[in-house]
Amino acid sequence: MPKKKYLSKDKIIGKQVINPKAMIVGSIKNLSFDPEKKEVAFSVTTKEGKEMMVTGSEIDTVGDVVLLKKQMNHQPATPTKTAKSTSPGLCSMCNFQNDSTAKFCIKCGAKVQ
């Protein structure tokens, strides 16, 4: 029986994430574990600066890069809530300054107050 190879958190964080069309999606920022589903998920910062979650089951191979199994349209990772918005268009979730008439943040998708 071949010996299992495990990668430490330090060896995974920072790796580029590549889709099946050989295009860079982004890089791994952090990892999480869901104890109910017994599943690992990776927080990926996309080239556009957005956050998205990729589950372990969506990954084909991890080597010098992380290769995804298929092209995916991901929901953004849940942004952390920060201070209340004080400027029109300022997102209270990620502090991105949207247009003053924006109803939703173009960076994280949260509703703008």
N, C-alpha and C. Protein backbone atom coordinates (compact mmCIF):
# COMPACT_ATOMS: atom_id res chain seq x y z
N MET A 1 0.84 -1.17 0.00
CA MET A 1 0.00 0.00 0.00
C MET A 1 0.90 1.25 0.00
N PRO A 2 0.67 2.19 -0.95
CA PRO A 2 1.50 3.39 -1.00
C PRO A 2 1.26 4.29 0.22
N LYS A 3 2.31 4.94 0.64
CA LYS A 3 2.23 5.85 1.78
C LYS A 3 1.48 7.11 1.38
N LYS A 4 0.53 7.58 2.22
CA LYS A 4 -0.22 8.80 1.94
C LYS A 4 0.68 10.00 2.16
N LYS A 5 0.51 10.98 1.28
CA LYS A 5 1.29 12.21 1.39
C LYS A 5 0.35 13.34 1.80
N TYR A 6 0.69 14.03 2.88
CA TYR A 6 -0.10 15.15 3.36
C TYR A 6 0.68 16.44 3.17
N LEU A 7 -0.04 17.51 2.84
CA LEU A 7 0.57 18.82 2.72
C LEU A 7 0.17 19.67 3.91
N SER A 8 1.11 20.39 4.47
CA SER A 8 0.80 21.28 5.59
C SER A 8 0.12 22.54 5.07
N LYS A 9 -0.52 23.25 5.98
CA LYS A 9 -1.18 24.52 5.66
C LYS A 9 -0.19 25.48 5.00
N ASP A 10 1.02 25.52 5.51
CA ASP A 10 2.05 26.43 4.98
C ASP A 10 2.42 26.11 3.54
N LYS A 11 2.29 24.85 3.14
CA LYS A 11 2.64 24.46 1.77
C LYS A 11 1.49 24.72 0.80
N ILE A 12 0.26 24.90 1.31
CA ILE A 12 -0.91 25.11 0.45
C ILE A 12 -1.21 26.60 0.27
N ILE A 13 -1.16 27.36 1.37
CA ILE A 13 -1.49 28.78 1.30
C ILE A 13 -0.50 29.49 0.37
N GLY A 14 -1.06 30.28 -0.53
CA GLY A 14 -0.24 31.02 -1.49
C GLY A 14 -0.15 30.35 -2.86
N LYS A 15 -0.54 29.06 -2.95
CA LYS A 15 -0.49 28.38 -4.25
C LYS A 15 -1.50 28.99 -5.20
N GLN A 16 -1.13 29.06 -6.47
CA GLN A 16 -2.04 29.54 -7.50
C GLN A 16 -3.13 28.50 -7.74
N VAL A 17 -4.34 28.97 -8.02
CA VAL A 17 -5.46 28.11 -8.36
C VAL A 17 -5.72 28.28 -9.85
N ILE A 18 -5.74 27.15 -10.57
CA ILE A 18 -5.85 27.14 -12.03
C ILE A 18 -7.12 26.39 -12.43
N ASN A 19 -7.87 26.95 -13.39
CA ASN A 19 -9.06 26.24 -13.86
C ASN A 19 -8.67 25.24 -14.96
N PRO A 20 -9.60 24.38 -15.41
CA PRO A 20 -9.26 23.37 -16.41
C PRO A 20 -8.84 23.93 -17.77
N LYS A 21 -9.11 25.21 -18.01
CA LYS A 21 -8.69 25.85 -19.26
C LYS A 21 -7.31 26.49 -19.12
N ALA A 22 -6.60 26.13 -18.06
CA ALA A 22 -5.24 26.59 -17.79
C ALA A 22 -5.15 28.09 -17.53
N MET A 23 -6.22 28.67 -17.02
CA MET A 23 -6.24 30.09 -16.68
C MET A 23 -6.13 30.23 -15.16
N ILE A 24 -5.38 31.24 -14.71
CA ILE A 24 -5.21 31.49 -13.28
C ILE A 24 -6.51 32.08 -12.72
N VAL A 25 -7.04 31.45 -11.69
CA VAL A 25 -8.24 31.94 -11.02
C VAL A 25 -7.83 32.89 -9.90
N GLY A 26 -6.80 32.52 -9.15
CA GLY A 26 -6.34 33.32 -8.03
C GLY A 26 -5.34 32.52 -7.21
N SER A 27 -5.30 32.77 -5.91
CA SER A 27 -4.40 32.02 -5.04
C SER A 27 -5.08 31.71 -3.71
N ILE A 28 -4.63 30.64 -3.08
CA ILE A 28 -5.20 30.20 -1.81
C ILE A 28 -4.79 31.16 -0.70
N LYS A 29 -5.79 31.67 0.02
CA LYS A 29 -5.55 32.61 1.12
C LYS A 29 -5.58 31.90 2.47
N ASN A 30 -6.52 30.95 2.62
CA ASN A 30 -6.68 30.27 3.90
C ASN A 30 -7.43 28.97 3.68
N LEU A 31 -7.50 28.14 4.70
CA LEU A 31 -8.31 26.93 4.59
C LEU A 31 -9.15 26.75 5.83
N SER A 32 -10.30 26.06 5.64
CA SER A 32 -11.26 25.84 6.71
C SER A 32 -11.70 24.39 6.68
N PHE A 33 -12.27 23.94 7.81
CA PHE A 33 -12.77 22.58 7.89
C PHE A 33 -14.20 22.61 8.41
N ASP A 34 -15.11 21.92 7.71
CA ASP A 34 -16.50 21.78 8.13
C ASP A 34 -16.64 20.46 8.87
N PRO A 35 -16.76 20.48 10.22
CA PRO A 35 -16.81 19.22 10.97
C PRO A 35 -18.05 18.38 10.70
N GLU A 36 -19.17 19.02 10.30
CA GLU A 36 -20.38 18.25 10.01
C GLU A 36 -20.24 17.47 8.71
N LYS A 37 -19.73 18.11 7.67
CA LYS A 37 -19.56 17.45 6.38
C LYS A 37 -18.22 16.73 6.27
N LYS A 38 -17.36 16.98 7.24
CA LYS A 38 -16.00 16.44 7.23
C LYS A 38 -15.31 16.80 5.91
N GLU A 39 -15.34 18.10 5.60
CA GLU A 39 -14.82 18.57 4.32
C GLU A 39 -13.93 19.79 4.53
N VAL A 40 -12.86 19.84 3.77
CA VAL A 40 -11.96 20.98 3.78
C VAL A 40 -12.37 21.93 2.67
N ALA A 41 -12.33 23.23 2.95
CA ALA A 41 -12.60 24.25 1.95
C ALA A 41 -11.45 25.26 1.95
N PHE A 42 -11.23 25.85 0.80
CA PHE A 42 -10.13 26.79 0.63
C PHE A 42 -10.69 28.16 0.28
N SER A 43 -10.21 29.19 0.97
CA SER A 43 -10.56 30.56 0.64
C SER A 43 -9.57 31.01 -0.43
N VAL A 44 -10.10 31.41 -1.58
CA VAL A 44 -9.28 31.81 -2.72
C VAL A 44 -9.48 33.29 -2.99
N THR A 45 -8.39 34.03 -3.11
CA THR A 45 -8.45 35.41 -3.54
C THR A 45 -8.27 35.40 -5.05
N THR A 46 -9.30 35.87 -5.77
CA THR A 46 -9.26 35.85 -7.23
C THR A 46 -8.35 36.96 -7.76
N LYS A 47 -8.07 36.91 -9.05
CA LYS A 47 -7.23 37.94 -9.67
C LYS A 47 -7.88 39.31 -9.55
N GLU A 48 -9.21 39.34 -9.45
CA GLU A 48 -9.95 40.59 -9.32
C GLU A 48 -9.98 41.10 -7.88
N GLY A 49 -9.41 40.31 -6.94
CA GLY A 49 -9.37 40.72 -5.55
C GLY A 49 -10.56 40.27 -4.74
N LYS A 50 -11.45 39.47 -5.33
CA LYS A 50 -12.62 38.96 -4.61
C LYS A 50 -12.26 37.67 -3.90
N GLU A 51 -13.07 37.33 -2.91
CA GLU A 51 -12.87 36.08 -2.17
C GLU A 51 -13.91 35.07 -2.63
N MET A 52 -13.49 33.81 -2.79
CA MET A 52 -14.42 32.73 -3.10
C MET A 52 -13.98 31.48 -2.37
N MET A 53 -14.92 30.57 -2.14
CA MET A 53 -14.62 29.32 -1.46
C MET A 53 -14.60 28.18 -2.47
N VAL A 54 -13.62 27.30 -2.33
CA VAL A 54 -13.50 26.10 -3.16
C VAL A 54 -13.40 24.92 -2.20
N THR A 55 -14.27 23.94 -2.37
CA THR A 55 -14.22 22.77 -1.48
C THR A 55 -13.19 21.78 -2.00
N GLY A 56 -12.75 20.92 -1.11
CA GLY A 56 -11.76 19.90 -1.48
C GLY A 56 -12.25 19.01 -2.61
N SER A 57 -13.55 18.76 -2.67
CA SER A 57 -14.11 17.90 -3.72
C SER A 57 -14.07 18.56 -5.09
N GLU A 58 -13.85 19.87 -5.15
CA GLU A 58 -13.79 20.59 -6.43
C GLU A 58 -12.36 20.68 -6.97
N ILE A 59 -11.41 20.12 -6.22
CA ILE A 59 -10.00 20.17 -6.62
C ILE A 59 -9.59 18.85 -7.24
N ASP A 60 -8.94 18.93 -8.40
CA ASP A 60 -8.47 17.73 -9.09
C ASP A 60 -7.11 17.30 -8.56
N THR A 61 -6.16 18.22 -8.54
CA THR A 61 -4.79 17.90 -8.17
C THR A 61 -4.14 19.08 -7.46
N VAL A 62 -3.26 18.77 -6.50
CA VAL A 62 -2.43 19.80 -5.87
C VAL A 62 -0.99 19.41 -6.10
N GLY A 63 -0.26 20.30 -6.76
CA GLY A 63 1.17 20.11 -7.01
C GLY A 63 1.85 21.45 -6.81
N ASP A 64 2.52 21.92 -7.86
CA ASP A 64 3.09 23.27 -7.80
C ASP A 64 1.97 24.30 -7.79
N VAL A 65 0.80 23.93 -8.34
CA VAL A 65 -0.41 24.75 -8.36
C VAL A 65 -1.58 23.88 -7.94
N VAL A 66 -2.74 24.50 -7.73
CA VAL A 66 -3.97 23.78 -7.41
C VAL A 66 -4.82 23.78 -8.68
N LEU A 67 -5.12 22.59 -9.19
CA LEU A 67 -5.90 22.45 -10.42
C LEU A 67 -7.34 22.09 -10.08
N LEU A 68 -8.27 22.92 -10.56
CA LEU A 68 -9.68 22.66 -10.32
C LEU A 68 -10.21 21.61 -11.29
N LYS A 69 -11.23 20.85 -10.88
CA LYS A 69 -11.81 19.81 -11.72
C LYS A 69 -12.59 20.39 -12.89
N LYS A 70 -13.32 21.48 -12.65
CA LYS A 70 -14.14 22.06 -13.70
C LYS A 70 -14.25 23.56 -13.51
N GLN A 71 -14.68 24.23 -14.57
CA GLN A 71 -14.94 25.66 -14.54
C GLN A 71 -16.08 25.90 -13.57
N MET A 72 -15.94 26.85 -12.65
CA MET A 72 -16.97 27.04 -11.64
C MET A 72 -17.36 28.50 -11.50
N ASN A 73 -18.62 28.70 -11.18
CA ASN A 73 -19.13 30.02 -10.81
C ASN A 73 -19.40 29.95 -9.32
N HIS A 74 -18.51 30.54 -8.53
CA HIS A 74 -18.59 30.43 -7.08
C HIS A 74 -19.28 31.62 -6.47
N GLN A 75 -19.92 31.34 -5.34
CA GLN A 75 -20.43 32.40 -4.49
C GLN A 75 -19.25 33.01 -3.76
N PRO A 76 -19.26 34.29 -3.53
CA PRO A 76 -18.15 34.88 -2.78
C PRO A 76 -18.12 34.34 -1.36
N ALA A 77 -16.93 34.31 -0.79
CA ALA A 77 -16.80 33.93 0.62
C ALA A 77 -17.54 34.96 1.44
N THR A 78 -18.08 34.55 2.57
CA THR A 78 -18.84 35.47 3.41
C THR A 78 -17.91 36.55 3.95
N PRO A 79 -18.16 37.80 3.59
CA PRO A 79 -17.30 38.87 4.10
C PRO A 79 -17.54 39.10 5.59
N THR A 80 -16.52 39.59 6.26
CA THR A 80 -16.68 39.89 7.68
C THR A 80 -17.25 41.29 7.83
N LYS A 81 -18.16 41.45 8.76
CA LYS A 81 -18.82 42.73 8.97
C LYS A 81 -17.89 43.70 9.69
N THR A 82 -17.87 44.93 9.22
CA THR A 82 -17.04 45.95 9.85
C THR A 82 -17.94 47.10 10.32
N ALA A 83 -17.36 48.22 10.56
CA ALA A 83 -18.11 49.36 11.08
C ALA A 83 -19.24 49.79 10.13
N LYS A 84 -20.24 50.44 10.70
CA LYS A 84 -21.40 50.92 9.96
C LYS A 84 -20.98 51.95 8.93
N SER A 85 -21.60 51.89 7.75
CA SER A 85 -21.31 52.81 6.65
C SER A 85 -21.65 54.23 7.05
N THR A 86 -20.76 55.19 6.74
CA THR A 86 -21.00 56.58 7.06
C THR A 86 -21.04 57.45 5.81
N SER A 87 -20.69 56.88 4.67
CA SER A 87 -20.64 57.62 3.42
C SER A 87 -21.56 56.94 2.41
N PRO A 88 -22.32 57.71 1.61
CA PRO A 88 -23.18 57.08 0.61
C PRO A 88 -22.36 56.18 -0.32
N GLY A 89 -22.80 54.93 -0.45
CA GLY A 89 -22.12 53.97 -1.31
C GLY A 89 -21.02 53.18 -0.64
N LEU A 90 -20.64 53.54 0.61
CA LEU A 90 -19.58 52.82 1.30
C LEU A 90 -20.16 51.51 1.85
N CYS A 91 -19.55 50.39 1.48
CA CYS A 91 -20.03 49.08 1.92
C CYS A 91 -19.67 48.85 3.38
N SER A 92 -20.67 48.48 4.19
CA SER A 92 -20.43 48.24 5.60
C SER A 92 -19.80 46.86 5.85
N MET A 93 -19.76 46.01 4.83
CA MET A 93 -19.17 44.69 4.98
C MET A 93 -17.67 44.68 4.66
N CYS A 94 -17.29 45.31 3.53
CA CYS A 94 -15.88 45.24 3.11
C CYS A 94 -15.21 46.61 2.98
N ASN A 95 -15.96 47.68 3.24
CA ASN A 95 -15.46 49.06 3.17
C ASN A 95 -15.08 49.53 1.78
N PHE A 96 -15.59 48.87 0.74
CA PHE A 96 -15.34 49.32 -0.63
C PHE A 96 -16.23 50.53 -0.91
N GLN A 97 -15.68 51.56 -1.56
CA GLN A 97 -16.45 52.75 -1.88
C GLN A 97 -17.10 52.57 -3.24
N ASN A 98 -18.40 52.26 -3.25
CA ASN A 98 -19.18 52.11 -4.46
C ASN A 98 -19.71 53.47 -4.89
N ASP A 99 -20.36 53.52 -6.05
CA ASP A 99 -21.06 54.72 -6.50
C ASP A 99 -22.13 55.04 -5.45
N SER A 100 -22.41 56.31 -5.23
CA SER A 100 -23.35 56.71 -4.17
C SER A 100 -24.76 56.19 -4.41
N THR A 101 -25.10 55.79 -5.63
CA THR A 101 -26.45 55.27 -5.93
C THR A 101 -26.50 53.74 -5.93
N ALA A 102 -25.38 53.08 -5.63
CA ALA A 102 -25.32 51.61 -5.67
C ALA A 102 -26.23 50.99 -4.61
N LYS A 103 -26.91 49.92 -5.01
CA LYS A 103 -27.75 49.18 -4.06
C LYS A 103 -27.00 47.98 -3.49
N PHE A 104 -26.02 47.45 -4.28
CA PHE A 104 -25.21 46.32 -3.85
C PHE A 104 -23.75 46.63 -4.11
N CYS A 105 -22.88 46.12 -3.26
CA CYS A 105 -21.44 46.34 -3.39
C CYS A 105 -20.90 45.55 -4.58
N ILE A 106 -20.11 46.20 -5.43
CA ILE A 106 -19.55 45.50 -6.58
C ILE A 106 -18.36 44.63 -6.19
N LYS A 107 -17.82 44.81 -5.00
CA LYS A 107 -16.69 44.00 -4.55
C LYS A 107 -17.14 42.72 -3.85
N CYS A 108 -18.08 42.83 -2.89
CA CYS A 108 -18.46 41.64 -2.11
C CYS A 108 -19.91 41.22 -2.31
N GLY A 109 -20.73 42.06 -2.94
CA GLY A 109 -22.11 41.69 -3.21
C GLY A 109 -23.09 42.00 -2.09
N ALA A 110 -22.60 42.56 -0.98
CA ALA A 110 -23.49 42.88 0.14
C ALA A 110 -24.39 44.06 -0.22
N LYS A 111 -25.54 44.12 0.42
CA LYS A 111 -26.46 45.23 0.22
C LYS A 111 -25.86 46.49 0.82
N VAL A 112 -25.85 47.57 0.05
CA VAL A 112 -25.32 48.86 0.50
C VAL A 112 -26.46 49.65 1.14
N GLN A 113 -26.24 50.18 2.33
CA GLN A 113 -27.27 50.91 3.06
C GLN A 113 -27.54 52.25 2.46
